[in-house]
């Protein structure tokens, strides 16, 4: 039975207009890239409510990537759109920009960016398992804006997950690539989670995601019984 990847509502309970699909990741991250990069993007079933909820915040990670671009021609249009958006809104500019002695700094809402990581984690999980993530899991992000302990653990898992060959791609590897794995809590060994290797009973799931060859995030899903596992 088809369900919304995010909230789990069955499509059979929705009107036709309420049945949509979510792209993982959002189209906004492909702005300025060759059109062929849009081919073979991952999509998952989504209810209209969840789809609209995320469409309002997807630009936050695009803007972060655009501001941090360092002369990458493929990101030129993405960066230009980010700058036009930020500088075209004085209120937003005053909130985001601060000027230091030698540099200009831009601030981003990391809570919003974490929500985008959660969305993409859930979408990836659905593409692999064909079902929404069970509510018994709680999600956490080990990436930018997190405390030092989380960053250290995140870096450790990313190094481990990079040993798993053949990362999956949505659209093009220059825009979004990922790898999901389950964790053996006794040996801390990572086991690739794939359609051929499903482990729906895993206590801990992790997924490394790389956006536009710039932002790297690790999302960890734990069952409640594992909350003190760290």
N, C-alpha and C. Protein backbone atom coordinates (compact mmCIF):
# COMPACT_ATOMS: atom_id res chain seq x y z
N UNK A 1 0.84 -1.20 0.00
CA UNK A 1 0.00 0.00 0.00
C UNK A 1 0.88 1.25 0.00
N UNK A 2 0.61 2.15 -0.93
CA UNK A 2 1.40 3.37 -1.02
C UNK A 2 1.03 4.33 0.12
N UNK A 3 2.08 4.87 0.78
CA UNK A 3 1.88 5.80 1.88
C UNK A 3 2.78 7.02 1.71
N UNK A 4 2.45 8.09 2.41
CA UNK A 4 3.33 9.25 2.43
C UNK A 4 4.62 8.86 3.12
N UNK A 5 5.74 9.16 2.47
CA UNK A 5 7.04 8.79 3.02
C UNK A 5 7.33 9.45 4.36
N UNK A 6 6.68 10.58 4.64
CA UNK A 6 7.01 11.38 5.82
C UNK A 6 6.07 11.09 6.99
N UNK A 7 4.78 11.25 6.78
CA UNK A 7 3.83 11.07 7.89
C UNK A 7 3.18 9.69 7.90
N UNK A 8 3.31 8.95 6.79
CA UNK A 8 2.79 7.59 6.75
C UNK A 8 1.32 7.45 6.43
N UNK A 9 0.63 8.54 6.11
CA UNK A 9 -0.80 8.42 5.80
C UNK A 9 -0.98 7.61 4.51
N UNK A 10 -1.88 6.61 4.52
CA UNK A 10 -2.11 5.81 3.31
C UNK A 10 -2.74 6.66 2.20
N UNK A 11 -2.30 6.46 0.98
CA UNK A 11 -2.86 7.22 -0.13
C UNK A 11 -4.34 6.90 -0.33
N UNK A 12 -4.76 5.74 0.12
CA UNK A 12 -6.16 5.36 -0.03
C UNK A 12 -7.08 6.26 0.80
N UNK A 13 -6.51 6.97 1.79
CA UNK A 13 -7.30 7.86 2.63
C UNK A 13 -7.27 9.31 2.14
N UNK A 14 -6.57 9.54 1.03
CA UNK A 14 -6.41 10.90 0.51
C UNK A 14 -7.20 11.09 -0.76
N UNK A 15 -7.65 12.33 -0.98
CA UNK A 15 -8.23 12.67 -2.27
C UNK A 15 -7.12 12.73 -3.31
N UNK A 16 -7.49 12.63 -4.57
CA UNK A 16 -6.50 12.62 -5.65
C UNK A 16 -5.60 13.84 -5.60
N UNK A 17 -6.17 15.00 -5.31
CA UNK A 17 -5.40 16.24 -5.29
C UNK A 17 -4.40 16.26 -4.13
N UNK A 18 -4.65 15.43 -3.12
CA UNK A 18 -3.77 15.39 -1.94
C UNK A 18 -2.61 14.39 -2.12
N UNK A 19 -2.61 13.67 -3.23
CA UNK A 19 -1.55 12.68 -3.49
C UNK A 19 -0.50 13.31 -4.41
N UNK A 20 0.69 13.46 -3.87
CA UNK A 20 1.76 14.08 -4.65
C UNK A 20 3.02 13.22 -4.53
N UNK A 21 4.12 13.77 -5.00
CA UNK A 21 5.40 13.08 -4.83
C UNK A 21 6.45 14.10 -4.42
N UNK A 22 7.43 13.63 -3.68
CA UNK A 22 8.52 14.47 -3.21
C UNK A 22 9.81 14.04 -3.91
N UNK A 23 10.56 15.02 -4.40
CA UNK A 23 11.86 14.73 -4.99
C UNK A 23 12.93 14.75 -3.90
N UNK A 24 13.81 13.79 -3.96
CA UNK A 24 14.91 13.70 -3.00
C UNK A 24 16.22 13.80 -3.77
N UNK A 25 16.93 14.93 -3.72
CA UNK A 25 16.61 16.15 -2.97
C UNK A 25 15.73 17.09 -3.81
N UNK A 26 15.46 18.28 -3.27
CA UNK A 26 14.60 19.23 -3.94
C UNK A 26 15.24 19.76 -5.24
N UNK A 27 14.39 20.16 -6.17
CA UNK A 27 14.87 20.67 -7.46
C UNK A 27 15.74 21.91 -7.30
N UNK A 28 15.53 22.69 -6.24
CA UNK A 28 16.26 23.94 -6.06
C UNK A 28 17.77 23.72 -6.04
N UNK A 29 18.23 22.53 -5.65
CA UNK A 29 19.66 22.25 -5.60
C UNK A 29 20.26 22.01 -6.98
N UNK A 30 19.41 21.87 -7.99
CA UNK A 30 19.88 21.61 -9.35
C UNK A 30 19.92 22.87 -10.21
N UNK A 31 19.61 24.01 -9.63
CA UNK A 31 19.55 25.25 -10.40
C UNK A 31 20.92 25.59 -10.99
N UNK A 32 20.93 25.79 -12.32
CA UNK A 32 22.16 26.14 -13.00
C UNK A 32 22.97 24.96 -13.50
N UNK A 33 22.63 23.78 -13.06
CA UNK A 33 23.34 22.59 -13.53
C UNK A 33 22.75 22.13 -14.87
N UNK A 34 23.49 21.32 -15.63
CA UNK A 34 22.96 20.79 -16.90
C UNK A 34 21.63 20.07 -16.69
N UNK A 35 20.74 20.19 -17.66
CA UNK A 35 19.41 19.59 -17.54
C UNK A 35 19.47 18.08 -17.33
N UNK A 36 20.50 17.45 -17.91
CA UNK A 36 20.57 15.99 -17.77
C UNK A 36 20.84 15.56 -16.33
N UNK A 37 21.26 16.49 -15.47
CA UNK A 37 21.46 16.16 -14.06
C UNK A 37 20.13 15.85 -13.37
N UNK A 38 19.04 16.32 -13.95
CA UNK A 38 17.72 16.11 -13.36
C UNK A 38 17.17 14.70 -13.62
N UNK A 39 17.81 13.99 -14.55
CA UNK A 39 17.33 12.66 -14.91
C UNK A 39 17.61 11.68 -13.76
N UNK A 40 16.69 10.79 -13.55
CA UNK A 40 16.84 9.72 -12.54
C UNK A 40 16.92 10.25 -11.11
N UNK A 41 16.23 11.34 -10.83
CA UNK A 41 16.14 11.77 -9.44
C UNK A 41 15.21 10.84 -8.67
N UNK A 42 15.52 10.63 -7.42
CA UNK A 42 14.68 9.79 -6.58
C UNK A 42 13.38 10.53 -6.24
N UNK A 43 12.28 9.83 -6.31
CA UNK A 43 11.00 10.40 -5.90
C UNK A 43 10.29 9.42 -4.97
N UNK A 44 9.50 9.97 -4.06
CA UNK A 44 8.74 9.15 -3.11
C UNK A 44 7.33 9.71 -3.01
N UNK A 45 6.35 8.87 -2.70
CA UNK A 45 4.98 9.37 -2.54
C UNK A 45 4.88 10.28 -1.33
N UNK A 46 4.15 11.37 -1.48
CA UNK A 46 4.00 12.34 -0.39
C UNK A 46 2.59 12.90 -0.39
N UNK A 47 2.08 13.16 0.79
CA UNK A 47 0.79 13.84 0.86
C UNK A 47 1.03 15.33 0.60
N UNK A 48 0.01 16.02 0.18
CA UNK A 48 0.15 17.43 -0.18
C UNK A 48 0.63 18.26 1.01
N UNK A 49 0.15 17.97 2.20
CA UNK A 49 0.53 18.73 3.39
C UNK A 49 2.04 18.65 3.63
N UNK A 50 2.60 17.44 3.60
CA UNK A 50 4.04 17.28 3.83
C UNK A 50 4.85 17.90 2.70
N UNK A 51 4.37 17.75 1.48
CA UNK A 51 5.07 18.31 0.34
C UNK A 51 5.17 19.83 0.45
N UNK A 52 4.08 20.46 0.81
CA UNK A 52 4.08 21.92 0.92
C UNK A 52 4.89 22.39 2.12
N UNK A 53 4.89 21.61 3.19
CA UNK A 53 5.67 21.98 4.38
C UNK A 53 7.14 22.13 4.04
N UNK A 54 7.67 21.20 3.28
CA UNK A 54 9.10 21.25 2.96
C UNK A 54 9.42 22.19 1.82
N UNK A 55 8.49 22.40 0.92
CA UNK A 55 8.76 23.32 -0.19
C UNK A 55 9.02 24.73 0.30
N UNK A 56 8.53 25.05 1.50
CA UNK A 56 8.74 26.40 2.05
C UNK A 56 10.13 26.58 2.65
N UNK A 57 10.84 25.49 2.89
CA UNK A 57 12.14 25.63 3.57
C UNK A 57 13.33 25.11 2.75
N UNK A 58 13.07 24.46 1.61
CA UNK A 58 14.15 23.83 0.85
C UNK A 58 15.23 24.81 0.41
N UNK A 59 14.88 26.09 0.23
CA UNK A 59 15.86 27.06 -0.25
C UNK A 59 16.96 27.35 0.77
N UNK A 60 16.72 27.02 2.05
CA UNK A 60 17.72 27.36 3.08
C UNK A 60 19.05 26.66 2.82
N UNK A 61 19.01 25.38 2.46
CA UNK A 61 20.26 24.67 2.21
C UNK A 61 20.86 25.10 0.87
N UNK A 62 20.00 25.43 -0.10
CA UNK A 62 20.52 25.96 -1.37
C UNK A 62 21.29 27.25 -1.13
N UNK A 63 20.74 28.12 -0.29
CA UNK A 63 21.40 29.40 -0.02
C UNK A 63 22.72 29.21 0.71
N UNK A 64 22.77 28.25 1.62
CA UNK A 64 24.02 27.94 2.30
C UNK A 64 25.09 27.50 1.31
N UNK A 65 24.70 26.63 0.40
CA UNK A 65 25.64 26.14 -0.62
C UNK A 65 26.05 27.27 -1.55
N UNK A 66 25.09 28.12 -1.92
CA UNK A 66 25.40 29.23 -2.82
C UNK A 66 26.38 30.21 -2.23
N UNK A 67 26.23 30.55 -0.96
CA UNK A 67 27.11 31.51 -0.30
C UNK A 67 28.51 30.94 -0.12
N UNK A 68 28.63 29.64 0.11
CA UNK A 68 29.94 29.03 0.36
C UNK A 68 30.64 28.58 -0.92
N UNK A 69 30.03 28.83 -2.07
CA UNK A 69 30.65 28.44 -3.34
C UNK A 69 31.96 29.18 -3.56
N UNK A 70 32.99 28.43 -3.92
CA UNK A 70 34.30 29.01 -4.20
C UNK A 70 34.68 28.77 -5.65
N UNK A 71 34.14 29.60 -6.53
CA UNK A 71 34.51 29.61 -7.96
C UNK A 71 34.19 28.31 -8.69
N UNK A 72 33.16 27.59 -8.24
CA UNK A 72 32.72 26.39 -8.96
C UNK A 72 31.72 26.85 -10.02
N UNK A 73 32.09 26.73 -11.28
CA UNK A 73 31.25 27.23 -12.38
C UNK A 73 29.88 26.56 -12.41
N UNK A 74 29.80 25.30 -11.99
CA UNK A 74 28.52 24.61 -12.01
C UNK A 74 27.54 25.23 -11.01
N UNK A 75 28.08 25.87 -9.97
CA UNK A 75 27.22 26.48 -8.96
C UNK A 75 27.02 27.98 -9.20
N UNK A 76 27.50 28.49 -10.30
CA UNK A 76 27.46 29.93 -10.55
C UNK A 76 26.04 30.48 -10.50
N UNK A 77 25.11 29.83 -11.19
CA UNK A 77 23.73 30.32 -11.22
C UNK A 77 23.06 30.15 -9.85
N UNK A 78 23.36 29.04 -9.19
CA UNK A 78 22.82 28.81 -7.85
C UNK A 78 23.28 29.91 -6.90
N UNK A 79 24.56 30.26 -6.97
CA UNK A 79 25.10 31.33 -6.13
C UNK A 79 24.46 32.67 -6.46
N UNK A 80 24.31 32.96 -7.76
CA UNK A 80 23.72 34.24 -8.18
C UNK A 80 22.30 34.38 -7.66
N UNK A 81 21.54 33.28 -7.71
CA UNK A 81 20.15 33.33 -7.23
C UNK A 81 20.12 33.55 -5.72
N UNK A 82 21.05 32.92 -5.02
CA UNK A 82 21.14 33.11 -3.57
C UNK A 82 21.44 34.56 -3.22
N UNK A 83 22.40 35.15 -3.90
CA UNK A 83 22.79 36.53 -3.62
C UNK A 83 21.64 37.49 -3.93
N UNK A 84 20.95 37.25 -5.04
CA UNK A 84 19.81 38.11 -5.38
C UNK A 84 18.73 38.01 -4.32
N UNK A 85 18.50 36.82 -3.83
CA UNK A 85 17.46 36.62 -2.82
C UNK A 85 17.82 37.33 -1.52
N UNK A 86 19.05 37.14 -1.04
CA UNK A 86 19.46 37.70 0.25
C UNK A 86 19.54 39.22 0.18
N UNK A 87 20.20 39.75 -0.86
CA UNK A 87 20.39 41.19 -0.96
C UNK A 87 19.14 41.91 -1.43
N UNK A 88 18.17 41.15 -1.95
CA UNK A 88 16.92 41.77 -2.39
C UNK A 88 15.91 41.94 -1.28
N UNK A 89 16.25 41.46 -0.11
CA UNK A 89 15.34 41.56 1.04
C UNK A 89 16.13 42.16 2.20
N UNK A 90 15.95 43.45 2.42
CA UNK A 90 16.76 44.14 3.42
C UNK A 90 16.60 43.52 4.80
N UNK A 91 15.39 43.13 5.17
CA UNK A 91 15.15 42.53 6.47
C UNK A 91 15.92 41.22 6.60
N UNK A 92 15.88 40.41 5.53
CA UNK A 92 16.59 39.14 5.54
C UNK A 92 18.10 39.38 5.56
N UNK A 93 18.55 40.39 4.83
CA UNK A 93 19.97 40.71 4.79
C UNK A 93 20.49 41.12 6.16
N UNK A 94 19.77 41.98 6.84
CA UNK A 94 20.19 42.42 8.17
C UNK A 94 20.23 41.27 9.17
N UNK A 95 19.34 40.32 8.98
CA UNK A 95 19.29 39.17 9.87
C UNK A 95 20.44 38.20 9.59
N UNK A 96 20.79 38.06 8.33
CA UNK A 96 21.76 37.04 7.94
C UNK A 96 23.22 37.52 7.96
N UNK A 97 23.45 38.77 7.57
CA UNK A 97 24.82 39.20 7.32
C UNK A 97 25.42 39.96 8.50
N UNK A 98 26.66 39.66 8.79
CA UNK A 98 27.42 40.41 9.78
C UNK A 98 28.82 40.65 9.21
N UNK A 99 29.40 41.78 9.54
CA UNK A 99 30.70 42.17 8.98
C UNK A 99 31.76 42.14 10.06
N UNK A 100 32.79 41.35 9.84
CA UNK A 100 33.91 41.27 10.76
C UNK A 100 35.04 42.17 10.30
N UNK A 101 36.17 42.04 10.94
CA UNK A 101 37.32 42.88 10.61
C UNK A 101 37.82 42.61 9.20
N UNK A 102 37.88 41.33 8.83
CA UNK A 102 38.43 40.97 7.52
C UNK A 102 37.46 40.18 6.65
N UNK A 103 36.27 39.89 7.17
CA UNK A 103 35.38 39.00 6.44
C UNK A 103 33.92 39.42 6.60
N UNK A 104 33.09 38.92 5.71
CA UNK A 104 31.64 39.06 5.81
C UNK A 104 31.08 37.67 6.13
N UNK A 105 30.20 37.62 7.10
CA UNK A 105 29.63 36.35 7.55
C UNK A 105 28.13 36.32 7.26
N UNK A 106 27.65 35.13 6.89
CA UNK A 106 26.23 34.93 6.67
C UNK A 106 25.74 33.85 7.62
N UNK A 107 24.61 34.10 8.23
CA UNK A 107 24.02 33.16 9.19
C UNK A 107 22.86 32.41 8.55
N UNK A 108 22.76 31.13 8.89
CA UNK A 108 21.67 30.31 8.35
C UNK A 108 21.00 29.58 9.50
N UNK A 109 19.73 29.25 9.29
CA UNK A 109 18.94 28.57 10.31
C UNK A 109 19.27 27.08 10.27
N UNK A 110 20.13 26.64 11.19
CA UNK A 110 20.57 25.25 11.17
C UNK A 110 19.45 24.29 11.58
N UNK A 111 18.48 24.78 12.35
CA UNK A 111 17.33 23.93 12.69
C UNK A 111 16.54 23.60 11.43
N UNK A 112 16.37 24.60 10.58
CA UNK A 112 15.68 24.39 9.30
C UNK A 112 16.48 23.43 8.42
N UNK A 113 17.78 23.61 8.36
CA UNK A 113 18.62 22.73 7.54
C UNK A 113 18.59 21.31 8.06
N UNK A 114 18.55 21.15 9.39
CA UNK A 114 18.41 19.80 9.96
C UNK A 114 17.11 19.15 9.50
N UNK A 115 16.03 19.93 9.43
CA UNK A 115 14.75 19.38 8.97
C UNK A 115 14.85 18.89 7.53
N UNK A 116 15.63 19.59 6.71
CA UNK A 116 15.83 19.16 5.33
C UNK A 116 16.61 17.85 5.30
N UNK A 117 17.61 17.74 6.15
CA UNK A 117 18.35 16.47 6.25
C UNK A 117 17.41 15.33 6.67
N UNK A 118 16.53 15.60 7.63
CA UNK A 118 15.57 14.58 8.08
C UNK A 118 14.67 14.16 6.92
N UNK A 119 14.20 15.16 6.18
CA UNK A 119 13.32 14.86 5.04
C UNK A 119 14.01 13.92 4.06
N UNK A 120 15.25 14.25 3.71
CA UNK A 120 15.97 13.44 2.74
C UNK A 120 16.29 12.05 3.28
N UNK A 121 16.58 11.96 4.59
CA UNK A 121 16.80 10.66 5.21
C UNK A 121 15.55 9.79 5.06
N UNK A 122 14.40 10.36 5.41
CA UNK A 122 13.15 9.60 5.32
C UNK A 122 12.85 9.20 3.88
N UNK A 123 13.15 10.11 2.95
CA UNK A 123 12.92 9.80 1.54
C UNK A 123 13.81 8.67 1.07
N UNK A 124 15.08 8.70 1.45
CA UNK A 124 16.01 7.64 1.08
C UNK A 124 15.56 6.31 1.68
N UNK A 125 15.16 6.34 2.95
CA UNK A 125 14.69 5.12 3.60
C UNK A 125 13.50 4.52 2.84
N UNK A 126 12.59 5.39 2.41
CA UNK A 126 11.41 4.91 1.68
C UNK A 126 11.80 4.30 0.34
N UNK A 127 12.75 4.92 -0.36
CA UNK A 127 13.14 4.37 -1.67
C UNK A 127 13.74 2.98 -1.54
N UNK A 128 14.37 2.72 -0.39
CA UNK A 128 15.01 1.42 -0.18
C UNK A 128 14.00 0.39 0.32
N UNK A 129 13.19 0.76 1.31
CA UNK A 129 12.33 -0.21 1.99
C UNK A 129 10.90 -0.23 1.48
N UNK A 130 10.53 0.83 0.75
CA UNK A 130 9.15 0.98 0.24
C UNK A 130 8.13 1.15 1.37
N UNK A 131 8.60 1.71 2.48
CA UNK A 131 7.70 2.02 3.59
C UNK A 131 8.26 3.20 4.38
N UNK A 132 7.39 3.93 5.07
CA UNK A 132 7.87 5.07 5.87
C UNK A 132 8.70 4.59 7.05
N UNK A 133 9.55 5.47 7.56
CA UNK A 133 10.33 5.16 8.74
C UNK A 133 9.40 5.03 9.94
N UNK A 134 9.58 3.96 10.69
CA UNK A 134 8.74 3.72 11.86
C UNK A 134 8.94 4.82 12.90
N UNK A 135 7.86 5.22 13.56
CA UNK A 135 7.92 6.29 14.56
C UNK A 135 8.71 5.92 15.80
N UNK A 136 9.09 4.65 15.95
CA UNK A 136 9.89 4.26 17.11
C UNK A 136 11.32 4.80 17.01
N UNK A 137 11.70 5.28 15.83
CA UNK A 137 13.02 5.87 15.66
C UNK A 137 12.97 7.38 15.92
N UNK A 138 14.00 7.88 16.58
CA UNK A 138 14.17 9.32 16.69
C UNK A 138 15.39 9.70 15.87
N UNK A 139 15.36 10.89 15.27
CA UNK A 139 16.40 11.32 14.34
C UNK A 139 17.28 12.39 14.94
N UNK A 140 18.54 12.35 14.57
CA UNK A 140 19.49 13.38 14.99
C UNK A 140 20.46 13.63 13.84
N UNK A 141 21.03 14.83 13.82
CA UNK A 141 21.97 15.20 12.75
C UNK A 141 23.35 15.42 13.35
N UNK A 142 24.33 14.88 12.69
CA UNK A 142 25.73 15.07 13.08
C UNK A 142 26.40 15.81 11.92
N UNK A 143 26.37 17.14 11.99
CA UNK A 143 26.87 17.93 10.87
C UNK A 143 27.19 19.33 11.36
N UNK A 144 27.18 20.31 10.42
CA UNK A 144 27.45 21.69 10.77
C UNK A 144 26.53 22.16 11.87
N UNK A 145 27.07 22.96 12.79
CA UNK A 145 26.25 23.55 13.83
C UNK A 145 26.03 22.66 15.03
N UNK A 146 26.64 21.46 15.04
CA UNK A 146 26.45 20.55 16.16
C UNK A 146 27.62 20.67 17.14
N UNK A 147 27.46 20.08 18.32
CA UNK A 147 28.54 20.16 19.31
C UNK A 147 29.71 19.27 18.90
N UNK A 148 30.84 19.47 19.57
CA UNK A 148 32.09 18.81 19.19
C UNK A 148 32.00 17.29 19.27
N UNK A 149 31.31 16.78 20.30
CA UNK A 149 31.18 15.33 20.44
C UNK A 149 30.43 14.73 19.25
N UNK A 150 29.36 15.41 18.86
CA UNK A 150 28.59 14.91 17.71
C UNK A 150 29.42 14.96 16.43
N UNK A 151 30.18 16.02 16.26
CA UNK A 151 31.01 16.15 15.06
C UNK A 151 32.05 15.03 15.00
N UNK A 152 32.66 14.71 16.13
CA UNK A 152 33.66 13.66 16.17
C UNK A 152 33.05 12.30 15.82
N UNK A 153 31.87 12.02 16.41
CA UNK A 153 31.20 10.76 16.12
C UNK A 153 30.74 10.72 14.67
N UNK A 154 30.24 11.86 14.19
CA UNK A 154 29.81 11.94 12.80
C UNK A 154 30.96 11.68 11.84
N UNK A 155 32.11 12.29 12.11
CA UNK A 155 33.28 12.08 11.25
C UNK A 155 33.72 10.63 11.26
N UNK A 156 33.64 10.00 12.43
CA UNK A 156 34.02 8.59 12.54
C UNK A 156 33.12 7.72 11.66
N UNK A 157 31.81 7.93 11.74
CA UNK A 157 30.89 7.12 10.96
C UNK A 157 31.01 7.42 9.46
N UNK A 158 31.26 8.68 9.11
CA UNK A 158 31.41 9.01 7.70
C UNK A 158 32.63 8.31 7.12
N UNK A 159 33.73 8.25 7.88
CA UNK A 159 34.91 7.54 7.41
C UNK A 159 34.60 6.06 7.21
N UNK A 160 33.80 5.50 8.12
CA UNK A 160 33.44 4.09 8.00
C UNK A 160 32.51 3.86 6.81
N UNK A 161 31.55 4.74 6.65
CA UNK A 161 30.56 4.54 5.59
C UNK A 161 31.18 4.76 4.21
N UNK A 162 32.24 5.57 4.16
CA UNK A 162 32.93 5.79 2.88
C UNK A 162 33.62 4.52 2.39
N UNK A 163 33.85 3.56 3.30
CA UNK A 163 34.46 2.30 2.90
C UNK A 163 33.48 1.41 2.14
N UNK A 164 32.18 1.72 2.28
CA UNK A 164 31.17 0.99 1.52
C UNK A 164 31.18 1.55 0.10
N UNK A 165 31.45 0.72 -0.86
CA UNK A 165 31.61 1.18 -2.23
C UNK A 165 30.28 1.54 -2.87
N UNK A 166 30.39 2.26 -3.98
CA UNK A 166 29.23 2.57 -4.82
C UNK A 166 28.13 3.33 -4.09
N UNK A 167 28.42 4.56 -3.72
CA UNK A 167 27.40 5.42 -3.13
C UNK A 167 26.26 5.58 -4.11
N UNK A 168 25.06 5.72 -3.59
CA UNK A 168 23.90 5.92 -4.44
C UNK A 168 23.80 7.39 -4.82
N UNK A 169 23.14 7.63 -5.95
CA UNK A 169 23.05 8.99 -6.51
C UNK A 169 21.61 9.29 -6.85
N UNK A 170 21.21 10.53 -6.61
CA UNK A 170 19.91 11.01 -7.08
C UNK A 170 20.16 12.15 -8.06
N UNK A 171 19.89 11.92 -9.32
CA UNK A 171 20.15 12.93 -10.34
C UNK A 171 21.57 12.86 -10.84
N UNK A 172 22.50 13.40 -10.07
CA UNK A 172 23.91 13.40 -10.44
C UNK A 172 24.76 13.49 -9.18
N UNK A 173 25.90 12.81 -9.17
CA UNK A 173 26.74 12.78 -7.97
C UNK A 173 27.28 14.15 -7.59
N UNK A 174 27.34 15.08 -8.52
CA UNK A 174 27.80 16.43 -8.19
C UNK A 174 26.76 17.22 -7.41
N UNK A 175 25.53 16.72 -7.39
CA UNK A 175 24.45 17.41 -6.67
C UNK A 175 24.06 16.65 -5.40
N UNK A 176 23.85 15.35 -5.49
CA UNK A 176 23.42 14.62 -4.29
C UNK A 176 23.81 13.15 -4.39
N UNK A 177 24.60 12.71 -3.43
CA UNK A 177 24.90 11.29 -3.31
C UNK A 177 24.78 10.90 -1.85
N UNK A 178 24.52 9.62 -1.62
CA UNK A 178 24.21 9.18 -0.26
C UNK A 178 24.52 7.70 -0.08
N UNK A 179 24.61 7.30 1.16
CA UNK A 179 24.72 5.89 1.50
C UNK A 179 24.09 5.66 2.86
N UNK A 180 23.18 4.69 2.92
CA UNK A 180 22.50 4.35 4.16
C UNK A 180 22.98 2.99 4.65
N UNK A 181 23.12 2.87 5.97
CA UNK A 181 23.58 1.61 6.55
C UNK A 181 22.92 1.39 7.90
N UNK A 182 22.86 0.12 8.30
CA UNK A 182 22.46 -0.21 9.66
C UNK A 182 23.73 -0.44 10.47
N UNK A 183 23.62 -0.30 11.78
CA UNK A 183 24.79 -0.42 12.64
C UNK A 183 24.64 -1.63 13.55
N UNK A 184 25.64 -2.50 13.53
CA UNK A 184 25.70 -3.60 14.50
C UNK A 184 26.19 -2.99 15.80
N UNK A 185 25.33 -2.91 16.81
CA UNK A 185 25.68 -2.17 18.02
C UNK A 185 26.73 -2.86 18.88
N UNK A 186 26.99 -4.12 18.61
CA UNK A 186 28.03 -4.83 19.37
C UNK A 186 29.42 -4.61 18.78
N UNK A 187 29.52 -4.73 17.48
CA UNK A 187 30.82 -4.57 16.82
C UNK A 187 31.01 -3.18 16.22
N UNK A 188 29.91 -2.38 16.17
CA UNK A 188 29.88 -1.08 15.50
C UNK A 188 30.17 -1.19 14.01
N UNK A 189 30.01 -2.39 13.47
CA UNK A 189 30.20 -2.59 12.04
C UNK A 189 29.00 -2.03 11.28
N UNK A 190 29.29 -1.39 10.15
CA UNK A 190 28.23 -0.84 9.32
C UNK A 190 27.86 -1.85 8.24
N UNK A 191 26.56 -2.06 8.08
CA UNK A 191 26.05 -2.98 7.06
C UNK A 191 25.17 -2.20 6.10
N UNK A 192 25.54 -2.21 4.84
CA UNK A 192 24.80 -1.43 3.86
C UNK A 192 23.32 -1.81 3.87
N UNK A 193 22.47 -0.79 3.87
CA UNK A 193 21.03 -1.02 3.78
C UNK A 193 20.62 -0.81 2.33
N UNK A 194 20.13 -1.84 1.71
CA UNK A 194 19.74 -1.77 0.31
C UNK A 194 18.55 -2.68 0.08
N UNK A 195 17.98 -2.62 -1.12
CA UNK A 195 16.83 -3.46 -1.43
C UNK A 195 17.20 -4.94 -1.34
N UNK A 196 18.48 -5.24 -1.59
CA UNK A 196 18.94 -6.63 -1.52
C UNK A 196 19.39 -7.01 -0.11
N UNK A 197 19.56 -6.02 0.73
CA UNK A 197 20.07 -6.29 2.08
C UNK A 197 19.29 -5.45 3.08
N UNK A 198 18.03 -5.83 3.30
CA UNK A 198 17.16 -5.09 4.21
C UNK A 198 17.32 -5.60 5.64
N UNK A 199 17.38 -4.66 6.56
CA UNK A 199 17.39 -5.01 7.99
C UNK A 199 16.43 -4.06 8.69
N UNK A 200 15.17 -4.40 8.65
CA UNK A 200 14.14 -3.51 9.18
C UNK A 200 14.05 -3.54 10.70
N UNK A 201 14.83 -4.42 11.33
CA UNK A 201 14.80 -4.52 12.78
C UNK A 201 16.00 -3.82 13.42
N UNK A 202 16.82 -3.15 12.64
CA UNK A 202 18.04 -2.53 13.16
C UNK A 202 17.73 -1.52 14.26
N UNK A 203 18.55 -1.52 15.29
CA UNK A 203 18.39 -0.57 16.38
C UNK A 203 18.85 0.83 15.98
N UNK A 204 19.87 0.87 15.11
CA UNK A 204 20.45 2.15 14.69
C UNK A 204 20.63 2.15 13.19
N UNK A 205 20.21 3.23 12.54
CA UNK A 205 20.41 3.44 11.11
C UNK A 205 21.18 4.74 10.92
N UNK A 206 22.07 4.77 9.95
CA UNK A 206 22.75 6.02 9.64
C UNK A 206 22.72 6.25 8.14
N UNK A 207 22.79 7.51 7.77
CA UNK A 207 22.84 7.84 6.35
C UNK A 207 23.74 9.06 6.17
N UNK A 208 24.76 8.91 5.34
CA UNK A 208 25.62 10.03 4.98
C UNK A 208 25.10 10.61 3.68
N UNK A 209 25.03 11.94 3.62
CA UNK A 209 24.54 12.63 2.44
C UNK A 209 25.49 13.76 2.08
N UNK A 210 25.80 13.88 0.81
CA UNK A 210 26.66 14.97 0.35
C UNK A 210 25.91 15.79 -0.68
N UNK A 211 25.78 17.09 -0.39
CA UNK A 211 25.02 18.01 -1.23
C UNK A 211 25.97 18.89 -2.04
N UNK A 212 25.83 18.86 -3.36
CA UNK A 212 26.53 19.78 -4.25
C UNK A 212 28.04 19.82 -3.99
N UNK A 213 28.59 18.67 -3.63
CA UNK A 213 30.02 18.54 -3.36
C UNK A 213 30.49 19.52 -2.29
N UNK A 214 29.57 19.94 -1.41
CA UNK A 214 29.89 20.98 -0.42
C UNK A 214 29.49 20.57 0.98
N UNK A 215 28.20 20.42 1.22
CA UNK A 215 27.68 20.13 2.55
C UNK A 215 27.58 18.62 2.76
N UNK A 216 28.17 18.15 3.84
CA UNK A 216 28.09 16.73 4.20
C UNK A 216 27.34 16.62 5.53
N UNK A 217 26.36 15.74 5.56
CA UNK A 217 25.58 15.53 6.79
C UNK A 217 25.44 14.05 7.06
N UNK A 218 25.43 13.71 8.32
CA UNK A 218 25.17 12.34 8.75
C UNK A 218 23.93 12.37 9.63
N UNK A 219 22.90 11.64 9.22
CA UNK A 219 21.68 11.54 10.03
C UNK A 219 21.66 10.16 10.69
N UNK A 220 21.37 10.15 11.98
CA UNK A 220 21.32 8.92 12.77
C UNK A 220 19.90 8.71 13.26
N UNK A 221 19.36 7.52 13.02
CA UNK A 221 18.04 7.14 13.52
C UNK A 221 18.22 6.05 14.57
N UNK A 222 17.70 6.31 15.77
CA UNK A 222 17.84 5.35 16.87
C UNK A 222 16.48 4.99 17.44
N UNK A 223 16.34 3.73 17.81
CA UNK A 223 15.18 3.35 18.59
C UNK A 223 15.32 3.92 20.00
N UNK A 224 14.22 4.14 20.65
CA UNK A 224 14.23 4.79 21.96
C UNK A 224 15.14 4.07 22.95
N UNK A 225 15.21 2.75 22.85
CA UNK A 225 16.03 1.97 23.77
C UNK A 225 17.51 2.24 23.61
N UNK A 226 17.89 2.92 22.52
CA UNK A 226 19.31 3.16 22.22
C UNK A 226 19.72 4.59 22.48
N UNK A 227 18.89 5.39 23.07
CA UNK A 227 19.19 6.82 23.19
C UNK A 227 20.44 7.11 24.01
N UNK A 228 20.84 6.21 24.89
CA UNK A 228 22.06 6.42 25.68
C UNK A 228 23.26 5.68 25.11
N UNK A 229 23.09 5.17 23.89
CA UNK A 229 24.13 4.34 23.26
C UNK A 229 25.40 5.12 22.96
N UNK A 230 25.32 6.43 22.67
CA UNK A 230 26.46 7.20 22.27
C UNK A 230 27.57 7.13 23.31
